[in-house]
Amino acid sequence: MTIVKVQLPLVTNIAETPALVYGEGHLFMTQQMLDSETLKAMENDVRAFFEAAFVKGKWKIGKRVAYQDW
């Protein structure tokens, strides 16, 4: 598993906007929609870190982990 940063847009007027998801050093940076479990785990944060695996051009996001300093 890799640790990824998931970041929601800070400002948007679009109801459903993809999040920016990437590993340390901007590894495999993608824009993708988040599932309801990931959104719930984000709580009210615009940025959070998760375990994830890069599969077929997209991050499969797992459980939330502690803040990473990168």
Protein backbone atom coordinates (compact mmCIF):
# COMPACT_ATOMS: atom_id res chain seq x y z
CA MET A 1 0.00 0.00 0.00
CA THR A 2 1.00 3.58 -0.67
CA ILE A 3 0.00 6.64 1.35
CA VAL A 4 -1.81 9.22 -0.79
CA LYS A 5 -2.98 12.77 -0.25
CA VAL A 6 -6.60 13.42 -1.19
CA GLN A 7 -7.45 17.06 -1.73
CA LEU A 8 -10.85 18.51 -2.50
CA PRO A 9 -11.18 21.75 -4.50
CA LEU A 10 -11.02 24.81 -2.26
CA VAL A 11 -13.48 26.80 -4.38
CA THR A 12 -15.97 25.51 -6.92
CA ASN A 13 -19.52 26.10 -8.06
CA ILE A 14 -19.87 22.58 -9.46
CA ALA A 15 -21.78 20.15 -7.22
CA GLU A 16 -19.73 17.04 -7.98
CA THR A 17 -16.09 17.87 -8.57
CA PRO A 18 -13.23 15.35 -8.72
CA ALA A 19 -10.60 15.33 -6.00
CA LEU A 20 -6.86 15.51 -6.60
CA VAL A 21 -5.21 12.26 -5.44
CA TYR A 22 -1.48 11.50 -5.44
CA GLY A 23 1.36 9.80 -3.63
CA GLU A 24 4.41 11.49 -2.12
CA GLY A 25 6.40 13.37 -4.76
CA HIS A 26 3.21 13.69 -6.84
CA LEU A 27 3.36 9.98 -7.66
CA PHE A 28 0.60 9.02 -10.12
CA MET A 29 -1.37 12.26 -9.75
CA THR A 30 -4.99 11.82 -10.76
CA GLN A 31 -8.28 13.67 -10.61
CA GLN A 32 -11.04 11.28 -9.63
CA MET A 33 -14.45 11.16 -8.03
CA LEU A 34 -14.50 9.90 -4.45
CA ASP A 35 -16.81 7.20 -3.18
CA SER A 36 -19.15 7.88 -0.27
CA GLU A 37 -16.92 6.04 2.24
CA THR A 38 -13.91 8.22 1.41
CA LEU A 39 -15.99 11.41 1.55
CA LYS A 40 -17.34 10.36 4.95
CA ALA A 41 -13.81 9.62 6.22
CA MET A 42 -12.69 13.11 5.08
CA GLU A 43 -15.25 14.61 7.51
CA ASN A 44 -15.00 18.41 7.05
CA ASP A 45 -11.37 18.39 5.93
CA VAL A 46 -10.39 19.50 2.43
CA ARG A 47 -7.16 17.49 2.64
CA ALA A 48 -6.53 14.05 4.17
CA PHE A 49 -4.19 11.08 3.83
CA PHE A 50 -5.22 7.50 3.05
CA GLU A 51 -3.77 4.10 2.29
CA ALA A 52 -4.27 3.37 -1.39
CA ALA A 53 -3.25 1.21 -4.33
CA PHE A 54 -2.86 2.43 -7.91
CA VAL A 55 -4.96 0.14 -10.12
CA LYS A 56 -5.73 0.65 -13.82
CA GLY A 57 -4.90 4.36 -13.84
CA LYS A 58 -6.85 5.19 -10.69
CA TRP A 59 -6.26 5.15 -6.92
CA LYS A 60 -8.26 2.57 -4.95
CA ILE A 61 -8.53 4.41 -1.63
CA GLY A 62 -8.56 2.55 1.67
CA LYS A 63 -8.54 3.68 5.29
CA ARG A 64 -7.61 7.15 6.48
CA VAL A 65 -4.21 7.53 8.14
CA ALA A 66 -2.51 10.20 10.24
CA TYR A 67 -1.30 13.49 8.75
CA GLN A 68 1.87 13.20 6.66
CA ASP A 69 4.39 16.02 6.46
CA TRP A 70 4.63 16.33 2.66
